[in-house]
Amino acid sequence: MRDVIQKIVATENQAKRIVEEARAQADRILAEARKQAQDISTKAYQDAGKQAQEIVDEAVRAAEDQKRESLSQASDAMEREIVIDEGLKQKIVEEMVRHVCGLG
């Protein structure tokens, strides 16, 4: 009978040890899973930031291209629409000279 009780106690102790080892292993697995999830989240955040910056950069380039095109079109339109004859050019030059020299 004593042997049976000792075997039961030994079996219970072994079962406790197995449960404790299983809990420790589960804790390690959970910690590793959390770390991997954090790494994935961090990488996804960084990738999203890079993609957003690329989109912003492309939008800035497109806006600059559009601005250059608009300025070119406006300049072309002004050159076509504004016609100054030689007499008017001379008067403008004379007024500018008077203004710059303080004569007027």
C-alpha atoms as a PDB file:
ATOM      1  CA  MET A   1       0.000   0.000   0.000  1.00  0.00           C
ATOM      2  CA  ARG A   2       2.838   2.304   0.860  1.00  0.00           C
ATOM      3  CA  ASP A   3       4.341   1.666  -2.581  1.00  0.00           C
ATOM      4  CA  VAL A   4       1.070   2.569  -4.260  1.00  0.00           C
ATOM      5  CA  ILE A   5       0.839   5.859  -2.323  1.00  0.00           C
ATOM      6  CA  GLN A   6       4.456   6.715  -3.169  1.00  0.00           C
ATOM      7  CA  LYS A   7       3.777   5.996  -6.843  1.00  0.00           C
ATOM      8  CA  ILE A   8       0.663   8.205  -6.731  1.00  0.00           C
ATOM      9  CA  VAL A   9       2.617  11.045  -5.071  1.00  0.00           C
ATOM     10  CA  ALA A  10       5.468  10.622  -7.562  1.00  0.00           C
ATOM     11  CA  THR A  11       3.000  10.640 -10.444  1.00  0.00           C
ATOM     12  CA  GLU A  12       1.326  13.783  -9.076  1.00  0.00           C
ATOM     13  CA  ASN A  13       4.715  15.473  -8.719  1.00  0.00           C
ATOM     14  CA  GLN A  14       5.640  14.479 -12.240  1.00  0.00           C
ATOM     15  CA  ALA A  15       2.282  15.776 -13.519  1.00  0.00           C
ATOM     16  CA  LYS A  16       2.875  19.121 -11.708  1.00  0.00           C
ATOM     17  CA  ARG A  17       6.342  19.379 -13.264  1.00  0.00           C
ATOM     18  CA  ILE A  18       4.943  18.610 -16.725  1.00  0.00           C
ATOM     19  CA  VAL A  19       2.226  21.255 -16.280  1.00  0.00           C
ATOM     20  CA  GLU A  20       4.808  23.820 -15.079  1.00  0.00           C
ATOM     21  CA  GLU A  21       7.064  23.058 -18.052  1.00  0.00           C
ATOM     22  CA  ALA A  22       4.089  23.329 -20.411  1.00  0.00           C
ATOM     23  CA  ARG A  23       3.143  26.701 -18.912  1.00  0.00           C
ATOM     24  CA  ALA A  24       6.717  27.936 -19.235  1.00  0.00           C
ATOM     25  CA  GLN A  25       6.831  26.778 -22.844  1.00  0.00           C
ATOM     26  CA  ALA A  26       3.464  28.412 -23.550  1.00  0.00           C
ATOM     27  CA  ASP A  27       4.768  31.663 -22.038  1.00  0.00           C
ATOM     28  CA  ARG A  28       7.852  31.503 -24.272  1.00  0.00           C
ATOM     29  CA  ILE A  29       5.729  30.820 -27.344  1.00  0.00           C
ATOM     30  CA  LEU A  30       3.377  33.665 -26.445  1.00  0.00           C
ATOM     31  CA  ALA A  31       6.279  36.075 -25.897  1.00  0.00           C
ATOM     32  CA  GLU A  32       7.800  35.112 -29.248  1.00  0.00           C
ATOM     33  CA  ALA A  33       4.418  35.497 -30.980  1.00  0.00           C
ATOM     34  CA  ARG A  34       4.014  38.964 -29.433  1.00  0.00           C
ATOM     35  CA  LYS A  35       7.513  39.931 -30.577  1.00  0.00           C
ATOM     36  CA  GLN A  36       6.807  38.714 -34.109  1.00  0.00           C
ATOM     37  CA  ALA A  37       3.495  40.591 -34.173  1.00  0.00           C
ATOM     38  CA  GLN A  38       5.262  43.749 -32.994  1.00  0.00           C
ATOM     39  CA  ASP A  39       7.964  43.312 -35.662  1.00  0.00           C
ATOM     40  CA  ILE A  40       5.339  42.810 -38.365  1.00  0.00           C
ATOM     41  CA  SER A  41       3.395  45.834 -37.152  1.00  0.00           C
ATOM     42  CA  THR A  42       6.529  48.000 -37.080  1.00  0.00           C
ATOM     43  CA  LYS A  43       7.542  46.914 -40.578  1.00  0.00           C
ATOM     44  CA  ALA A  44       4.030  47.522 -41.919  1.00  0.00           C
ATOM     45  CA  TYR A  45       4.046  51.007 -40.362  1.00  0.00           C
ATOM     46  CA  GLN A  46       7.437  51.779 -41.896  1.00  0.00           C
ATOM     47  CA  ASP A  47       6.358  50.459 -45.297  1.00  0.00           C
ATOM     48  CA  ALA A  48       3.182  52.541 -45.163  1.00  0.00           C
ATOM     49  CA  GLY A  49       5.252  55.609 -44.298  1.00  0.00           C
ATOM     50  CA  LYS A  50       7.568  54.990 -47.239  1.00  0.00           C
ATOM     51  CA  GLN A  51       4.642  54.508 -49.610  1.00  0.00           C
ATOM     52  CA  ALA A  52       2.980  57.673 -48.340  1.00  0.00           C
ATOM     53  CA  GLN A  53       6.205  59.626 -48.872  1.00  0.00           C
ATOM     54  CA  GLU A  54       6.513  58.255 -52.404  1.00  0.00           C
ATOM     55  CA  ILE A  55       2.931  59.338 -53.130  1.00  0.00           C
ATOM     56  CA  VAL A  56       3.628  62.813 -51.745  1.00  0.00           C
ATOM     57  CA  ASP A  57       6.853  63.077 -53.771  1.00  0.00           C
ATOM     58  CA  GLU A  58       5.040  62.063 -56.952  1.00  0.00           C
ATOM     59  CA  ALA A  59       2.257  64.572 -56.261  1.00  0.00           C
ATOM     60  CA  VAL A  60       4.837  67.340 -55.745  1.00  0.00           C
ATOM     61  CA  ARG A  61       6.567  66.412 -59.019  1.00  0.00           C
ATOM     62  CA  ALA A  62       3.234  66.405 -60.852  1.00  0.00           C
ATOM     63  CA  ALA A  63       2.300  69.789 -59.345  1.00  0.00           C
ATOM     64  CA  GLU A  64       5.674  71.252 -60.346  1.00  0.00           C
ATOM     65  CA  ASP A  65       5.278  69.907 -63.875  1.00  0.00           C
ATOM     66  CA  GLN A  66       1.762  71.367 -64.062  1.00  0.00           C
ATOM     67  CA  LYS A  67       3.043  74.716 -62.760  1.00  0.00           C
ATOM     68  CA  ARG A  68       5.782  74.823 -65.400  1.00  0.00           C
ATOM     69  CA  GLU A  69       3.283  73.937 -68.101  1.00  0.00           C
ATOM     70  CA  SER A  70       0.828  76.608 -66.903  1.00  0.00           C
ATOM     71  CA  LEU A  71       3.552  79.242 -66.776  1.00  0.00           C
ATOM     72  CA  SER A  72       4.707  78.306 -70.253  1.00  0.00           C
ATOM     73  CA  GLN A  73       1.165  78.524 -71.619  1.00  0.00           C
ATOM     74  CA  ALA A  74       0.587  81.857 -69.864  1.00  0.00           C
ATOM     75  CA  SER A  75       3.858  83.210 -71.223  1.00  0.00           C
ATOM     76  CA  ASP A  76       2.994  82.066 -74.744  1.00  0.00           C
ATOM     77  CA  ALA A  77      -0.468  83.629 -74.466  1.00  0.00           C
ATOM     78  CA  MET A  78       0.963  86.932 -73.231  1.00  0.00           C
ATOM     79  CA  GLU A  79       3.470  87.026 -76.060  1.00  0.00           C
ATOM     80  CA  ARG A  80       0.677  86.417 -78.598  1.00  0.00           C
ATOM     81  CA  GLU A  81      -1.760  88.906 -77.080  1.00  0.00           C
ATOM     82  CA  ILE A  82       0.495  91.779 -76.084  1.00  0.00           C
ATOM     83  CA  VAL A  83       1.755  93.713 -79.078  1.00  0.00           C
ATOM     84  CA  ILE A  84       3.768  96.861 -78.462  1.00  0.00           C
ATOM     85  CA  ASP A  85       4.675  98.984 -81.443  1.00  0.00           C
ATOM     86  CA  GLU A  86       8.062 100.678 -81.693  1.00  0.00           C
ATOM     87  CA  GLY A  87       6.736 104.128 -80.743  1.00  0.00           C
ATOM     88  CA  LEU A  88       5.201 102.771 -77.521  1.00  0.00           C
ATOM     89  CA  LYS A  89       8.386 100.844 -76.735  1.00  0.00           C
ATOM     90  CA  GLN A  90      10.395 104.049 -77.049  1.00  0.00           C
ATOM     91  CA  LYS A  91       8.037 105.932 -74.740  1.00  0.00           C
ATOM     92  CA  ILE A  92       8.219 103.129 -72.150  1.00  0.00           C
ATOM     93  CA  VAL A  93      12.036 103.142 -72.270  1.00  0.00           C
ATOM     94  CA  GLU A  94      12.141 106.922 -71.895  1.00  0.00           C
ATOM     95  CA  GLU A  95       9.781 106.826 -68.895  1.00  0.00           C
ATOM     96  CA  MET A  96      11.853 104.087 -67.263  1.00  0.00           C
ATOM     97  CA  VAL A  97      15.056 106.054 -67.772  1.00  0.00           C
ATOM     98  CA  ARG A  98      13.462 109.211 -66.302  1.00  0.00           C
ATOM     99  CA  HIS A  99      12.169 107.236 -63.338  1.00  0.00           C
ATOM    100  CA  VAL A 100      15.498 105.481 -62.686  1.00  0.00           C
ATOM    101  CA  CYS A 101      17.475 108.709 -63.058  1.00  0.00           C
ATOM    102  CA  GLY A 102      15.060 110.615 -60.858  1.00  0.00           C
ATOM    103  CA  LEU A 103      13.996 113.046 -63.574  1.00  0.00           C
ATOM    104  CA  GLY A 104      10.333 112.410 -63.430  1.00  0.00           C
END
